[in-house]
C-alpha atoms as a PDB file:
ATOM      1  CA  MET A   1      22.572 -24.733 -17.240  1.00  0.00           C
ATOM      2  CA  VAL A   2      19.856 -22.361 -18.449  1.00  0.00           C
ATOM      3  CA  GLY A   3      16.941 -21.967 -16.041  1.00  0.00           C
ATOM      4  CA  ILE A   4      13.271 -22.201 -16.927  1.00  0.00           C
ATOM      5  CA  LYS A   5      11.864 -18.995 -18.390  1.00  0.00           C
ATOM      6  CA  TYR A   6       8.429 -18.229 -17.007  1.00  0.00           C
ATOM      7  CA  LYS A   7       5.960 -16.022 -18.826  1.00  0.00           C
ATOM      8  CA  VAL A   8       5.221 -12.563 -17.459  1.00  0.00           C
ATOM      9  CA  ASN A   9       4.002  -9.275 -18.925  1.00  0.00           C
ATOM     10  CA  GLU A  10       7.363  -7.580 -19.504  1.00  0.00           C
ATOM     11  CA  THR A  11       5.724  -4.244 -20.395  1.00  0.00           C
ATOM     12  CA  PHE A  12       3.530  -4.042 -17.266  1.00  0.00           C
ATOM     13  CA  PHE A  13       5.380  -1.017 -15.855  1.00  0.00           C
ATOM     14  CA  ASP A  14       5.800   0.759 -19.189  1.00  0.00           C
ATOM     15  CA  LYS A  15       2.411   2.490 -19.245  1.00  0.00           C
ATOM     16  CA  TRP A  16       0.464   4.086 -16.409  1.00  0.00           C
ATOM     17  CA  ASN A  17      -2.921   2.602 -15.507  1.00  0.00           C
ATOM     18  CA  PRO A  18      -4.705   2.025 -12.170  1.00  0.00           C
ATOM     19  CA  GLU A  19      -3.334  -1.493 -11.593  1.00  0.00           C
ATOM     20  CA  MET A  20       0.192  -0.497 -12.624  1.00  0.00           C
ATOM     21  CA  ALA A  21       0.116   2.494 -10.238  1.00  0.00           C
ATOM     22  CA  TYR A  22      -1.193   0.334  -7.380  1.00  0.00           C
ATOM     23  CA  VAL A  23       1.424  -2.399  -7.880  1.00  0.00           C
ATOM     24  CA  LEU A  24       4.183   0.208  -8.193  1.00  0.00           C
ATOM     25  CA  GLY A  25       3.076   1.776  -4.916  1.00  0.00           C
ATOM     26  CA  TYR A  26       3.100  -1.637  -3.268  1.00  0.00           C
ATOM     27  CA  TRP A  27       6.571  -2.347  -4.691  1.00  0.00           C
ATOM     28  CA  TYR A  28       7.854   0.904  -3.207  1.00  0.00           C
ATOM     29  CA  ALA A  29       6.629  -0.385   0.159  1.00  0.00           C
ATOM     30  CA  ASP A  30       7.202  -4.140   0.235  1.00  0.00           C
ATOM     31  CA  GLY A  31       9.117  -4.957  -2.929  1.00  0.00           C
ATOM     32  CA  SER A  32      12.822  -5.436  -3.573  1.00  0.00           C
ATOM     33  CA  MET A  33      15.139  -6.068  -6.479  1.00  0.00           C
ATOM     34  CA  TYR A  34      18.611  -7.423  -6.978  1.00  0.00           C
ATOM     35  CA  ILE A  35      21.073  -8.702  -9.559  1.00  0.00           C
ATOM     36  CA  SER A  36      22.813 -12.058  -9.232  1.00  0.00           C
ATOM     37  CA  GLU A  37      24.954 -14.217 -11.524  1.00  0.00           C
ATOM     38  CA  ARG A  38      21.752 -15.769 -12.805  1.00  0.00           C
ATOM     39  CA  GLY A  39      20.002 -12.530 -13.773  1.00  0.00           C
ATOM     40  CA  SER A  40      17.897  -9.571 -12.657  1.00  0.00           C
ATOM     41  CA  TYR A  41      15.248 -10.331 -10.039  1.00  0.00           C
ATOM     42  CA  LEU A  42      12.214  -8.658  -8.469  1.00  0.00           C
ATOM     43  CA  ASN A  43      10.731  -9.780  -5.151  1.00  0.00           C
ATOM     44  CA  VAL A  44       7.444  -8.832  -3.565  1.00  0.00           C
ATOM     45  CA  THR A  45       6.226 -10.256  -0.283  1.00  0.00           C
ATOM     46  CA  SER A  46       3.305 -10.021   2.131  1.00  0.00           C
ATOM     47  CA  VAL A  47       1.615 -11.856   4.980  1.00  0.00           C
ATOM     48  CA  ASP A  48      -1.624 -11.163   3.093  1.00  0.00           C
ATOM     49  CA  LYS A  49      -2.064 -13.906   0.511  1.00  0.00           C
ATOM     50  CA  GLU A  50      -4.664 -12.007  -1.530  1.00  0.00           C
ATOM     51  CA  ILE A  51      -2.376  -9.132  -2.487  1.00  0.00           C
ATOM     52  CA  ILE A  52       0.428 -11.373  -3.775  1.00  0.00           C
ATOM     53  CA  TYR A  53      -1.976 -13.409  -5.862  1.00  0.00           C
ATOM     54  CA  ASN A  54      -3.477 -10.244  -7.300  1.00  0.00           C
ATOM     55  CA  VAL A  55      -0.007  -8.908  -8.242  1.00  0.00           C
ATOM     56  CA  LYS A  56       0.748 -12.241  -9.935  1.00  0.00           C
ATOM     57  CA  LYS A  57      -2.555 -12.040 -11.825  1.00  0.00           C
ATOM     58  CA  TRP A  58      -2.063  -8.454 -12.999  1.00  0.00           C
ATOM     59  CA  LEU A  59       1.498  -9.210 -14.133  1.00  0.00           C
ATOM     60  CA  LYS A  60       0.208 -12.291 -15.972  1.00  0.00           C
ATOM     61  CA  SER A  61       2.998 -14.162 -14.270  1.00  0.00           C
ATOM     62  CA  GLU A  62       3.542 -17.926 -14.372  1.00  0.00           C
ATOM     63  CA  HIS A  63       6.062 -17.729 -11.514  1.00  0.00           C
ATOM     64  CA  THR A  64       5.426 -19.737  -8.363  1.00  0.00           C
ATOM     65  CA  ILE A  65       4.365 -18.031  -5.163  1.00  0.00           C
ATOM     66  CA  ARG A  66       6.471 -19.402  -2.336  1.00  0.00           C
ATOM     67  CA  GLU A  67       5.431 -19.676   1.305  1.00  0.00           C
ATOM     68  CA  ALA A  68       8.070 -18.621   3.798  1.00  0.00           C
ATOM     69  CA  LYS A  69       7.345 -20.066   7.224  1.00  0.00           C
ATOM     70  CA  PRO A  70       7.705 -17.742  10.220  1.00  0.00           C
ATOM     71  CA  ILE A  71      11.016 -17.678  12.057  1.00  0.00           C
ATOM     72  CA  TRP A  72       9.499 -16.610  15.380  1.00  0.00           C
ATOM     73  CA  PRO A  73       6.827 -18.575  17.341  1.00  0.00           C
ATOM     74  CA  ASN A  74       4.124 -15.905  16.908  1.00  0.00           C
ATOM     75  CA  GLY A  75       5.169 -14.890  13.398  1.00  0.00           C
ATOM     76  CA  LYS A  76       3.033 -15.204  10.277  1.00  0.00           C
ATOM     77  CA  THR A  77       3.639 -17.082   7.055  1.00  0.00           C
ATOM     78  CA  ARG A  78       4.842 -14.740   4.292  1.00  0.00           C
ATOM     79  CA  PHE A  79       3.928 -15.184   0.632  1.00  0.00           C
ATOM     80  CA  VAL A  80       6.753 -14.373  -1.781  1.00  0.00           C
ATOM     81  CA  LEU A  81       6.633 -13.788  -5.537  1.00  0.00           C
ATOM     82  CA  ARG A  82      10.068 -13.722  -7.171  1.00  0.00           C
ATOM     83  CA  ILE A  83      10.342 -12.796 -10.836  1.00  0.00           C
ATOM     84  CA  GLY A  84      13.499 -12.973 -12.881  1.00  0.00           C
ATOM     85  CA  ASN A  85      13.165 -10.539 -15.791  1.00  0.00           C
ATOM     86  CA  LYS A  86      15.589  -7.887 -16.963  1.00  0.00           C
ATOM     87  CA  ASN A  87      12.956  -5.795 -18.771  1.00  0.00           C
ATOM     88  CA  LEU A  88      10.779  -5.463 -15.669  1.00  0.00           C
ATOM     89  CA  TYR A  89      13.916  -4.754 -13.632  1.00  0.00           C
ATOM     90  CA  LYS A  90      14.961  -1.940 -16.004  1.00  0.00           C
ATOM     91  CA  ALA A  91      11.413  -0.514 -15.977  1.00  0.00           C
ATOM     92  CA  LEU A  92      11.436  -0.266 -12.182  1.00  0.00           C
ATOM     93  CA  ILE A  93      14.842   1.418 -12.275  1.00  0.00           C
ATOM     94  CA  LYS A  94      13.386   4.057 -14.601  1.00  0.00           C
ATOM     95  CA  LEU A  95      10.504   4.545 -12.154  1.00  0.00           C
ATOM     96  CA  GLY A  96      12.873   5.314  -9.279  1.00  0.00           C
ATOM     97  CA  LEU A  97      13.428   1.963  -7.607  1.00  0.00           C
ATOM     98  CA  TYR A  98      16.780   0.283  -7.035  1.00  0.00           C
ATOM     99  CA  PRO A  99      18.378  -2.412  -4.818  1.00  0.00           C
ATOM    100  CA  SER A 100      18.660  -1.653  -1.075  1.00  0.00           C
ATOM    101  CA  LYS A 101      16.220   1.243  -1.471  1.00  0.00           C
ATOM    102  CA  SER A 102      14.594   1.216   1.953  1.00  0.00           C
ATOM    103  CA  LEU A 103      16.531   4.066   3.617  1.00  0.00           C
ATOM    104  CA  THR A 104      17.060   6.423   0.686  1.00  0.00           C
ATOM    105  CA  VAL A 105      14.266   6.001  -1.874  1.00  0.00           C
ATOM    106  CA  LYS A 106      12.526   9.171  -3.069  1.00  0.00           C
ATOM    107  CA  PHE A 107       8.920   9.707  -4.058  1.00  0.00           C
ATOM    108  CA  PRO A 108       8.485   8.995  -7.793  1.00  0.00           C
ATOM    109  CA  ASN A 109       6.914  11.230 -10.415  1.00  0.00           C
ATOM    110  CA  VAL A 110       3.367   9.877 -10.440  1.00  0.00           C
ATOM    111  CA  PRO A 111       0.772  11.408 -12.809  1.00  0.00           C
ATOM    112  CA  ASN A 112      -2.010  13.109 -10.796  1.00  0.00           C
ATOM    113  CA  ARG A 113      -4.610  10.858 -12.392  1.00  0.00           C
ATOM    114  CA  PHE A 114      -3.018   7.778 -10.824  1.00  0.00           C
ATOM    115  CA  LEU A 115      -1.795   9.229  -7.539  1.00  0.00           C
ATOM    116  CA  GLY A 116      -4.651   7.764  -5.466  1.00  0.00           C
ATOM    117  CA  HIS A 117      -3.898   4.269  -6.794  1.00  0.00           C
ATOM    118  CA  PHE A 118      -0.185   4.608  -6.054  1.00  0.00           C
ATOM    119  CA  VAL A 119      -0.827   5.868  -2.524  1.00  0.00           C
ATOM    120  CA  ARG A 120      -3.280   3.039  -1.874  1.00  0.00           C
ATOM    121  CA  GLY A 121      -0.698   0.512  -3.050  1.00  0.00           C
ATOM    122  CA  TYR A 122       1.924   1.988  -0.738  1.00  0.00           C
ATOM    123  CA  PHE A 123      -0.609   2.114   2.092  1.00  0.00           C
ATOM    124  CA  ASP A 124      -1.406  -1.579   1.651  1.00  0.00           C
ATOM    125  CA  GLY A 125       2.301  -2.350   1.928  1.00  0.00           C
ATOM    126  CA  ASP A 126       3.642   0.058   4.558  1.00  0.00           C
ATOM    127  CA  GLY A 127       0.580   1.747   5.979  1.00  0.00           C
ATOM    128  CA  CYS A 128      -1.961   1.043   8.677  1.00  0.00           C
ATOM    129  CA  VAL A 129      -5.360   2.270   9.852  1.00  0.00           C
ATOM    130  CA  PHE A 130      -6.614   1.933  13.389  1.00  0.00           C
ATOM    131  CA  LEU A 131      -9.149   3.276  15.884  1.00  0.00           C
ATOM    132  CA  GLU A 132      -7.832   4.947  19.007  1.00  0.00           C
ATOM    133  CA  MET A 133     -10.143   3.962  21.878  1.00  0.00           C
ATOM    134  CA  SER A 134     -10.484   5.152  25.442  1.00  0.00           C
ATOM    135  CA  LYS A 135     -12.550   4.063  28.463  1.00  0.00           C
ATOM    136  CA  GLY A 136     -15.764   5.976  28.937  1.00  0.00           C
ATOM    137  CA  ILE A 137     -17.123   7.188  32.283  1.00  0.00           C
ATOM    138  CA  THR A 138     -20.679   5.936  31.909  1.00  0.00           C
ATOM    139  CA  ARG A 139     -20.127   3.210  29.278  1.00  0.00           C
ATOM    140  CA  GLY A 140     -17.473   0.967  27.845  1.00  0.00           C
ATOM    141  CA  LYS A 141     -14.812   1.956  25.344  1.00  0.00           C
ATOM    142  CA  ILE A 142     -15.407   4.995  23.148  1.00  0.00           C
ATOM    143  CA  ILE A 143     -13.673   6.044  19.935  1.00  0.00           C
ATOM    144  CA  ARG A 144     -11.223   8.871  20.313  1.00  0.00           C
ATOM    145  CA  ARG A 145     -10.143   9.151  16.688  1.00  0.00           C
ATOM    146  CA  LEU A 146      -9.411   7.387  13.387  1.00  0.00           C
ATOM    147  CA  SER A 147      -5.735   7.277  12.413  1.00  0.00           C
ATOM    148  CA  VAL A 148      -3.940   6.513   9.152  1.00  0.00           C
ATOM    149  CA  ILE A 149      -0.158   6.030   9.227  1.00  0.00           C
ATOM    150  CA  PHE A 150       2.379   5.661   6.437  1.00  0.00           C
ATOM    151  CA  THR A 151       5.762   4.172   7.396  1.00  0.00           C
ATOM    152  CA  SER A 152       9.136   4.222   5.617  1.00  0.00           C
ATOM    153  CA  GLY A 153      12.835   3.913   6.339  1.00  0.00           C
ATOM    154  CA  SER A 154      13.332   6.907   4.056  1.00  0.00           C
ATOM    155  CA  PRO A 155      12.374  10.296   5.537  1.00  0.00           C
ATOM    156  CA  ILE A 156      12.752  11.882   2.084  1.00  0.00           C
ATOM    157  CA  PHE A 157      10.005   9.676   0.667  1.00  0.00           C
ATOM    158  CA  LEU A 158       7.554  10.525   3.465  1.00  0.00           C
ATOM    159  CA  GLU A 159       8.347  14.243   3.405  1.00  0.00           C
ATOM    160  CA  GLU A 160       7.523  14.400  -0.304  1.00  0.00           C
ATOM    161  CA  LEU A 161       4.394  12.259   0.200  1.00  0.00           C
ATOM    162  CA  CYS A 162       3.334  14.655   2.955  1.00  0.00           C
ATOM    163  CA  LYS A 163       3.770  17.678   0.655  1.00  0.00           C
ATOM    164  CA  ILE A 164       1.895  16.073  -2.218  1.00  0.00           C
ATOM    165  CA  LEU A 165      -1.037  14.887  -0.092  1.00  0.00           C
ATOM    166  CA  GLY A 166      -1.138  18.236   1.683  1.00  0.00           C
ATOM    167  CA  SER A 167      -1.425  20.206  -1.528  1.00  0.00           C
ATOM    168  CA  THR A 168      -3.764  17.735  -3.238  1.00  0.00           C
ATOM    169  CA  LEU A 169      -6.179  17.126  -0.359  1.00  0.00           C
ATOM    170  CA  GLU A 170      -5.547  20.153   1.875  1.00  0.00           C
ATOM    171  CA  LEU A 171      -4.516  17.964   4.791  1.00  0.00           C
ATOM    172  CA  LYS A 172      -3.446  19.418   8.130  1.00  0.00           C
ATOM    173  CA  GLN A 173      -0.425  17.218   8.809  1.00  0.00           C
ATOM    174  CA  THR A 174       2.915  18.747   7.870  1.00  0.00           C
ATOM    175  CA  LYS A 175       5.430  16.755   9.897  1.00  0.00           C
ATOM    176  CA  VAL A 176       7.188  13.407   9.534  1.00  0.00           C
ATOM    177  CA  TYR A 177       8.039  11.690  12.835  1.00  0.00           C
ATOM    178  CA  ASN A 178      11.182   9.723  13.585  1.00  0.00           C
ATOM    179  CA  GLY A 179       9.973   6.455  15.105  1.00  0.00           C
ATOM    180  CA  HIS A 180      11.916   3.699  16.841  1.00  0.00           C
ATOM    181  CA  ARG A 181      12.997   1.873  13.695  1.00  0.00           C
ATOM    182  CA  SER A 182      11.517   3.936  10.895  1.00  0.00           C
ATOM    183  CA  TYR A 183       9.834   7.230  10.040  1.00  0.00           C
ATOM    184  CA  GLN A 184       6.078   7.798  10.188  1.00  0.00           C
ATOM    185  CA  LEU A 185       3.554  10.131   8.598  1.00  0.00           C
ATOM    186  CA  ARG A 186       0.459  10.209  10.806  1.00  0.00           C
ATOM    187  CA  TYR A 187      -3.000  11.506   9.979  1.00  0.00           C
ATOM    188  CA  PHE A 188      -5.979  11.804  12.282  1.00  0.00           C
ATOM    189  CA  THR A 189      -9.743  11.707  11.838  1.00  0.00           C
ATOM    190  CA  ALA A 190     -10.555  14.554   9.420  1.00  0.00           C
ATOM    191  CA  ASP A 191      -7.438  13.935   7.293  1.00  0.00           C
ATOM    192  CA  SER A 192      -7.935  10.145   7.453  1.00  0.00           C
ATOM    193  CA  ILE A 193     -11.471  10.446   6.058  1.00  0.00           C
ATOM    194  CA  LYS A 194     -10.145  12.558   3.178  1.00  0.00           C
ATOM    195  CA  LEU A 195      -7.495   9.908   2.548  1.00  0.00           C
ATOM    196  CA  PHE A 196     -10.128   7.174   2.583  1.00  0.00           C
ATOM    197  CA  LYS A 197     -12.078   8.951  -0.164  1.00  0.00           C
ATOM    198  CA  PHE A 198      -8.896   9.653  -2.139  1.00  0.00           C
ATOM    199  CA  MET A 199      -7.553   6.094  -1.997  1.00  0.00           C
ATOM    200  CA  TYR A 200     -10.792   4.159  -2.495  1.00  0.00           C
ATOM    201  CA  GLY A 201     -13.060   6.500  -4.420  1.00  0.00           C
ATOM    202  CA  ASP A 202     -11.828   5.491  -7.867  1.00  0.00           C
ATOM    203  CA  CYS A 203     -10.344   2.053  -7.237  1.00  0.00           C
ATOM    204  CA  HIS A 204     -11.367  -1.104  -9.057  1.00  0.00           C
ATOM    205  CA  LYS A 205     -12.909  -3.953  -7.115  1.00  0.00           C
ATOM    206  CA  ASN A 206     -10.259  -6.120  -5.399  1.00  0.00           C
ATOM    207  CA  ALA A 207      -7.471  -3.614  -6.125  1.00  0.00           C
ATOM    208  CA  TYR A 208      -6.940  -3.138  -2.415  1.00  0.00           C
ATOM    209  CA  LEU A 209      -6.267  -5.089   0.764  1.00  0.00           C
ATOM    210  CA  THR A 210      -9.670  -6.184   2.075  1.00  0.00           C
ATOM    211  CA  ARG A 211      -8.882  -6.109   5.789  1.00  0.00           C
ATOM    212  CA  LYS A 212      -7.739  -2.467   5.650  1.00  0.00           C
ATOM    213  CA  LEU A 213     -10.812  -1.321   3.735  1.00  0.00           C
ATOM    214  CA  ASN A 214     -12.997  -3.195   6.215  1.00  0.00           C
ATOM    215  CA  TYR A 215     -11.338  -1.357   9.088  1.00  0.00           C
ATOM    216  CA  PHE A 216     -12.522   1.942   7.633  1.00  0.00           C
ATOM    217  CA  GLY A 217     -15.956   0.335   7.338  1.00  0.00           C
ATOM    218  CA  LYS A 218     -15.826  -0.556  11.034  1.00  0.00           C
ATOM    219  CA  TYR A 219     -15.112   3.087  11.917  1.00  0.00           C
ATOM    220  CA  PHE A 220     -18.025   4.401   9.876  1.00  0.00           C
ATOM    221  CA  LYS A 221     -20.296   1.784  11.433  1.00  0.00           C
ATOM    222  CA  LEU A 222     -19.353   3.092  14.892  1.00  0.00           C
ATOM    223  CA  ARG A 223     -19.492   6.718  13.772  1.00  0.00           C
ATOM    224  CA  PRO A 224     -22.449   6.917  11.340  1.00  0.00           C
ATOM    225  CA  GLN A 225     -22.573  10.689  11.732  1.00  0.00           C
ATOM    226  CA  ARG A 226     -19.375  10.794   9.661  1.00  0.00           C
ATOM    227  CA  LEU A 227     -21.059   9.116   6.713  1.00  0.00           C
ATOM    228  CA  ASP A 228     -21.909  11.084   3.585  1.00  0.00           C
ATOM    229  CA  THR A 229     -23.080  10.007   0.150  1.00  0.00           C
ATOM    230  CA  GLU A 230     -19.574   9.646  -1.224  1.00  0.00           C
ATOM    231  CA  ILE A 231     -18.458   7.392   1.653  1.00  0.00           C
ATOM    232  CA  GLU A 232     -21.622   5.275   1.456  1.00  0.00           C
ATOM    233  CA  ASN A 233     -21.125   4.766  -2.291  1.00  0.00           C
ATOM    234  CA  ILE A 234     -17.524   3.652  -1.770  1.00  0.00           C
ATOM    235  CA  LEU A 235     -18.432   1.204   0.990  1.00  0.00           C
ATOM    236  CA  ASN A 236     -21.385  -0.181  -0.970  1.00  0.00           C
ATOM    237  CA  LYS A 237     -19.301  -0.589  -4.124  1.00  0.00           C
ATOM    238  CA  HIS A 238     -16.756  -2.757  -2.300  1.00  0.00           C
ATOM    239  CA  GLY A 239     -19.082  -4.594   0.028  1.00  0.00           C
ATOM    240  CA  ALA A 240     -17.811  -2.942   3.215  1.00  0.00           C
ATOM    241  CA  VAL A 241     -21.168  -1.433   4.146  1.00  0.00           C
ATOM    242  CA  ALA A 242     -21.268   0.532   7.398  1.00  0.00           C
ATOM    243  CA  LYS A 243     -24.609  -0.470   8.941  1.00  0.00           C
END
């Protein structure tokens, strides 16, 4: 029995553009692919509904987004987009992805023009931003530093990412850490601010995960002395005004 063929832009990954680079970065983080008796499949998943719906929109996909209920009591519902399409599958293979990639994947050859979009996509999948706080002597909690972390099961991927970001942005961090279950690339305040400008300075509206952008906005609200014209323009453009 032949299954239903849903429409999708089969050439989406054939030409570099900001949305393609962002989605590819996200697929490197939270996407997967496999071949079964029924065909070649791509999966992308997230607990953030907005990102999956944006990926579906950019791919012009008619495929159904499925909700996967949490297994654990405090778990979150995951949103899953599965696409069966051999042309998209082959395109991702050419771009360096493959089944069971998580522990061995390498950093792809991304054109410099689209590197910020790719990194932002990966960050939205396997990255985090947070404020390290400590208790003050004369007042409540105070900010110690802003941190950006990229995570991967593949140390090779993060080592190459570290080199590329270091040479492109002149970042201080040069080491990948072996965490409990994965590897981490950690950046602190000065480097994190450079990464914020790099990832969001040229991005289109809604081509990012809102809650992560807003977390940067929270930091700049608490540390207005770190604001400059470039940062203010980025926050204003995306409605994450630090005031």
